[in-house]
Amino acid sequence: MRNPLETGRSAEVGEFDQIASHDDAARVVDEMLSDLRQHPDEWENPTLEHFLDALSASLSALPYLYANQGGSLPDLPTWKLLADVLVMASGYE
């Protein structure tokens, strides 16, 4: 069990830069599930309630995240953006 003052981590997934299709996004979700099952006490948001709350916050934060990186949120989302926000929500504080 984690120390109550520690924060958890995001899901660990491989081959994250090459997400271009729904199959790639599904693979990321499968890897997230596997990581959660292997390390349930390490995730910041291991329950559905916490994950959905963090997902909402992650989606709301996207424009600011892109602006901080010198860009702007794309008008049309991509499979990569979907995978990014799902993984982001697993560790969002």
N, C-alpha and C. Protein backbone atom coordinates (compact mmCIF):
# COMPACT_ATOMS: atom_id res chain seq x y z
N MET A 1 0.83 -1.19 0.00
CA MET A 1 0.00 0.00 0.00
C MET A 1 0.87 1.25 0.00
N ARG A 2 0.42 2.25 -0.72
CA ARG A 2 1.15 3.50 -0.85
C ARG A 2 1.04 4.34 0.41
N ASN A 3 2.06 5.13 0.64
CA ASN A 3 2.02 6.15 1.68
C ASN A 3 0.94 7.16 1.29
N PRO A 4 0.05 7.59 2.19
CA PRO A 4 -1.03 8.50 1.83
C PRO A 4 -0.55 9.84 1.27
N LEU A 5 0.69 10.21 1.54
CA LEU A 5 1.20 11.48 1.03
C LEU A 5 1.85 11.35 -0.35
N GLU A 6 2.09 10.13 -0.79
CA GLU A 6 2.67 9.90 -2.11
C GLU A 6 1.59 10.01 -3.18
N THR A 7 2.00 10.44 -4.35
CA THR A 7 1.07 10.41 -5.48
C THR A 7 1.40 9.19 -6.32
N GLY A 8 0.40 8.71 -7.02
CA GLY A 8 0.59 7.54 -7.87
C GLY A 8 1.19 7.92 -9.20
N ARG A 9 1.21 6.96 -10.06
CA ARG A 9 1.79 7.16 -11.38
C ARG A 9 0.74 6.93 -12.45
N SER A 10 1.11 7.31 -13.66
CA SER A 10 0.28 7.01 -14.83
C SER A 10 0.54 5.59 -15.29
N ALA A 11 -0.35 5.10 -16.12
CA ALA A 11 -0.18 3.78 -16.72
C ALA A 11 1.10 3.75 -17.55
N GLU A 12 1.75 2.62 -17.54
CA GLU A 12 2.94 2.43 -18.36
C GLU A 12 2.56 1.61 -19.58
N VAL A 13 2.74 2.22 -20.75
CA VAL A 13 2.43 1.55 -22.02
C VAL A 13 3.63 1.68 -22.95
N GLY A 14 3.77 0.73 -23.85
CA GLY A 14 4.87 0.75 -24.80
C GLY A 14 4.44 1.32 -26.15
N GLU A 15 5.41 1.63 -26.99
CA GLU A 15 5.16 2.09 -28.37
C GLU A 15 4.06 3.15 -28.42
N PHE A 16 4.24 4.20 -27.66
CA PHE A 16 3.20 5.22 -27.52
C PHE A 16 3.22 6.24 -28.66
N ASP A 17 4.33 6.43 -29.31
CA ASP A 17 4.44 7.48 -30.33
C ASP A 17 3.81 7.10 -31.67
N GLN A 18 3.54 5.84 -31.90
CA GLN A 18 3.05 5.39 -33.20
C GLN A 18 1.58 5.02 -33.18
N ILE A 19 0.74 5.84 -32.59
CA ILE A 19 -0.69 5.56 -32.51
C ILE A 19 -1.38 6.28 -33.65
N ALA A 20 -1.93 5.50 -34.59
CA ALA A 20 -2.54 6.09 -35.77
C ALA A 20 -3.90 5.49 -36.12
N SER A 21 -4.33 4.49 -35.36
CA SER A 21 -5.57 3.81 -35.72
C SER A 21 -6.33 3.39 -34.47
N HIS A 22 -7.57 2.95 -34.69
CA HIS A 22 -8.35 2.45 -33.56
C HIS A 22 -7.72 1.20 -32.96
N ASP A 23 -7.06 0.39 -33.78
CA ASP A 23 -6.36 -0.79 -33.26
C ASP A 23 -5.22 -0.39 -32.33
N ASP A 24 -4.49 0.67 -32.71
CA ASP A 24 -3.41 1.17 -31.85
C ASP A 24 -3.96 1.69 -30.52
N ALA A 25 -5.07 2.42 -30.58
CA ALA A 25 -5.69 2.94 -29.36
C ALA A 25 -6.20 1.80 -28.48
N ALA A 26 -6.77 0.77 -29.10
CA ALA A 26 -7.23 -0.40 -28.35
C ALA A 26 -6.07 -1.10 -27.66
N ARG A 27 -4.92 -1.17 -28.34
CA ARG A 27 -3.73 -1.78 -27.74
C ARG A 27 -3.30 -1.00 -26.50
N VAL A 28 -3.35 0.32 -26.58
CA VAL A 28 -2.98 1.15 -25.43
C VAL A 28 -3.92 0.86 -24.26
N VAL A 29 -5.22 0.78 -24.52
CA VAL A 29 -6.19 0.49 -23.46
C VAL A 29 -5.93 -0.90 -22.87
N ASP A 30 -5.63 -1.88 -23.72
CA ASP A 30 -5.29 -3.23 -23.23
C ASP A 30 -4.05 -3.18 -22.33
N GLU A 31 -3.05 -2.41 -22.73
CA GLU A 31 -1.83 -2.31 -21.94
C GLU A 31 -2.09 -1.57 -20.63
N MET A 32 -2.98 -0.58 -20.66
CA MET A 32 -3.36 0.12 -19.43
C MET A 32 -4.03 -0.86 -18.46
N LEU A 33 -4.94 -1.66 -18.97
CA LEU A 33 -5.63 -2.64 -18.13
C LEU A 33 -4.65 -3.64 -17.53
N SER A 34 -3.74 -4.13 -18.33
CA SER A 34 -2.73 -5.06 -17.85
C SER A 34 -1.87 -4.41 -16.76
N ASP A 35 -1.45 -3.17 -16.98
CA ASP A 35 -0.64 -2.46 -16.01
C ASP A 35 -1.42 -2.24 -14.71
N LEU A 36 -2.70 -1.88 -14.81
CA LEU A 36 -3.52 -1.69 -13.62
C LEU A 36 -3.66 -3.00 -12.85
N ARG A 37 -3.88 -4.10 -13.55
CA ARG A 37 -4.02 -5.39 -12.87
C ARG A 37 -2.72 -5.81 -12.17
N GLN A 38 -1.58 -5.47 -12.78
CA GLN A 38 -0.29 -5.84 -12.20
C GLN A 38 0.14 -4.92 -11.07
N HIS A 39 -0.31 -3.64 -11.12
CA HIS A 39 0.16 -2.63 -10.15
C HIS A 39 -1.00 -1.77 -9.65
N PRO A 40 -2.04 -2.36 -9.08
CA PRO A 40 -3.22 -1.57 -8.69
C PRO A 40 -2.93 -0.52 -7.62
N ASP A 41 -1.94 -0.75 -6.79
CA ASP A 41 -1.63 0.21 -5.72
C ASP A 41 -0.72 1.34 -6.18
N GLU A 42 -0.26 1.30 -7.42
CA GLU A 42 0.67 2.31 -7.90
C GLU A 42 -0.01 3.41 -8.72
N TRP A 43 -1.16 3.12 -9.30
CA TRP A 43 -1.84 4.12 -10.12
C TRP A 43 -2.38 5.25 -9.26
N GLU A 44 -2.38 6.44 -9.78
CA GLU A 44 -2.99 7.57 -9.10
C GLU A 44 -4.51 7.42 -9.08
N ASN A 45 -5.10 6.92 -10.15
CA ASN A 45 -6.56 6.83 -10.29
C ASN A 45 -6.99 5.41 -10.64
N PRO A 46 -6.92 4.48 -9.68
CA PRO A 46 -7.18 3.08 -9.99
C PRO A 46 -8.65 2.67 -10.00
N THR A 47 -9.55 3.53 -9.53
CA THR A 47 -10.97 3.18 -9.55
C THR A 47 -11.66 3.90 -10.70
N LEU A 48 -12.78 3.37 -11.13
CA LEU A 48 -13.52 4.00 -12.22
C LEU A 48 -13.92 5.43 -11.86
N GLU A 49 -14.38 5.62 -10.64
CA GLU A 49 -14.78 6.97 -10.21
C GLU A 49 -13.62 7.95 -10.28
N HIS A 50 -12.48 7.57 -9.74
CA HIS A 50 -11.31 8.46 -9.78
C HIS A 50 -10.83 8.66 -11.22
N PHE A 51 -10.82 7.58 -12.00
CA PHE A 51 -10.35 7.67 -13.38
C PHE A 51 -11.25 8.61 -14.19
N LEU A 52 -12.57 8.48 -14.08
CA LEU A 52 -13.47 9.34 -14.84
C LEU A 52 -13.36 10.79 -14.41
N ASP A 53 -13.19 11.03 -13.13
CA ASP A 53 -12.98 12.39 -12.64
C ASP A 53 -11.70 12.98 -13.24
N ALA A 54 -10.64 12.18 -13.25
CA ALA A 54 -9.37 12.63 -13.83
C ALA A 54 -9.46 12.76 -15.34
N LEU A 55 -10.24 11.91 -15.99
CA LEU A 55 -10.42 12.01 -17.44
C LEU A 55 -11.09 13.33 -17.80
N SER A 56 -12.12 13.69 -17.05
CA SER A 56 -12.78 14.97 -17.27
C SER A 56 -11.80 16.14 -17.09
N ALA A 57 -11.03 16.09 -16.01
CA ALA A 57 -10.05 17.15 -15.76
C ALA A 57 -8.96 17.17 -16.84
N SER A 58 -8.55 16.00 -17.30
CA SER A 58 -7.53 15.91 -18.36
C SER A 58 -8.03 16.53 -19.65
N LEU A 59 -9.27 16.22 -20.01
CA LEU A 59 -9.85 16.79 -21.23
C LEU A 59 -9.96 18.31 -21.12
N SER A 60 -10.36 18.79 -19.95
CA SER A 60 -10.47 20.24 -19.74
C SER A 60 -9.11 20.93 -19.80
N ALA A 61 -8.06 20.23 -19.39
CA ALA A 61 -6.72 20.80 -19.36
C ALA A 61 -6.00 20.78 -20.71
N LEU A 62 -6.53 20.03 -21.67
CA LEU A 62 -5.82 19.89 -22.95
C LEU A 62 -5.46 21.20 -23.63
N PRO A 63 -6.37 22.17 -23.75
CA PRO A 63 -5.99 23.43 -24.42
C PRO A 63 -4.80 24.10 -23.74
N TYR A 64 -4.74 24.06 -22.42
CA TYR A 64 -3.63 24.68 -21.69
C TYR A 64 -2.34 23.89 -21.87
N LEU A 65 -2.45 22.57 -21.91
CA LEU A 65 -1.29 21.73 -22.14
C LEU A 65 -0.68 22.04 -23.51
N TYR A 66 -1.52 22.10 -24.53
CA TYR A 66 -1.03 22.41 -25.87
C TYR A 66 -0.44 23.81 -25.92
N ALA A 67 -1.10 24.79 -25.28
CA ALA A 67 -0.61 26.16 -25.28
C ALA A 67 0.76 26.25 -24.59
N ASN A 68 0.93 25.51 -23.49
CA ASN A 68 2.22 25.51 -22.79
C ASN A 68 3.33 24.91 -23.63
N GLN A 69 2.95 24.07 -24.59
CA GLN A 69 3.95 23.45 -25.48
C GLN A 69 4.09 24.25 -26.79
N GLY A 70 3.47 25.43 -26.84
CA GLY A 70 3.60 26.29 -28.01
C GLY A 70 2.68 25.94 -29.15
N GLY A 71 1.64 25.18 -28.91
CA GLY A 71 0.72 24.79 -29.97
C GLY A 71 -0.71 25.09 -29.59
N SER A 72 -1.60 24.52 -30.35
CA SER A 72 -3.03 24.66 -30.03
C SER A 72 -3.69 23.30 -30.21
N LEU A 73 -4.76 23.11 -29.46
CA LEU A 73 -5.51 21.86 -29.52
C LEU A 73 -6.06 21.67 -30.93
N PRO A 74 -5.85 20.50 -31.54
CA PRO A 74 -6.36 20.26 -32.88
C PRO A 74 -7.89 20.32 -32.90
N ASP A 75 -8.45 20.82 -34.00
CA ASP A 75 -9.91 20.86 -34.14
C ASP A 75 -10.50 19.46 -34.19
N LEU A 76 -9.82 18.57 -34.87
CA LEU A 76 -10.28 17.19 -34.97
C LEU A 76 -9.35 16.30 -34.15
N PRO A 77 -9.91 15.56 -33.20
CA PRO A 77 -9.06 14.68 -32.39
C PRO A 77 -8.52 13.52 -33.22
N THR A 78 -7.42 12.97 -32.76
CA THR A 78 -6.80 11.82 -33.41
C THR A 78 -6.82 10.64 -32.45
N TRP A 79 -6.51 9.46 -32.96
CA TRP A 79 -6.40 8.28 -32.11
C TRP A 79 -5.27 8.49 -31.10
N LYS A 80 -4.22 9.17 -31.50
CA LYS A 80 -3.10 9.47 -30.60
C LYS A 80 -3.57 10.36 -29.46
N LEU A 81 -4.36 11.38 -29.77
CA LEU A 81 -4.86 12.28 -28.73
C LEU A 81 -5.74 11.51 -27.74
N LEU A 82 -6.59 10.62 -28.25
CA LEU A 82 -7.43 9.80 -27.38
C LEU A 82 -6.55 8.97 -26.44
N ALA A 83 -5.56 8.29 -26.98
CA ALA A 83 -4.67 7.47 -26.16
C ALA A 83 -3.91 8.35 -25.15
N ASP A 84 -3.44 9.52 -25.59
CA ASP A 84 -2.73 10.43 -24.69
C ASP A 84 -3.59 10.79 -23.48
N VAL A 85 -4.83 11.17 -23.73
CA VAL A 85 -5.69 11.63 -22.64
C VAL A 85 -6.10 10.47 -21.73
N LEU A 86 -6.25 9.27 -22.26
CA LEU A 86 -6.56 8.12 -21.42
C LEU A 86 -5.41 7.81 -20.46
N VAL A 87 -4.21 7.80 -20.99
CA VAL A 87 -3.03 7.53 -20.15
C VAL A 87 -2.84 8.69 -19.16
N MET A 88 -3.03 9.91 -19.64
CA MET A 88 -2.91 11.07 -18.76
C MET A 88 -3.87 10.96 -17.58
N ALA A 89 -5.08 10.52 -17.82
CA ALA A 89 -6.08 10.42 -16.76
C ALA A 89 -5.72 9.37 -15.72
N SER A 90 -4.95 8.36 -16.10
CA SER A 90 -4.60 7.33 -15.13
C SER A 90 -3.69 7.88 -14.03
N GLY A 91 -3.00 8.99 -14.30
CA GLY A 91 -2.09 9.55 -13.31
C GLY A 91 -2.34 10.98 -12.95
N TYR A 92 -3.44 11.57 -13.48
CA TYR A 92 -3.74 12.98 -13.25
C TYR A 92 -4.09 13.21 -11.79
N GLU A 93 -3.50 14.25 -11.19
CA GLU A 93 -3.79 14.59 -9.78
C GLU A 93 -4.83 15.65 -9.68
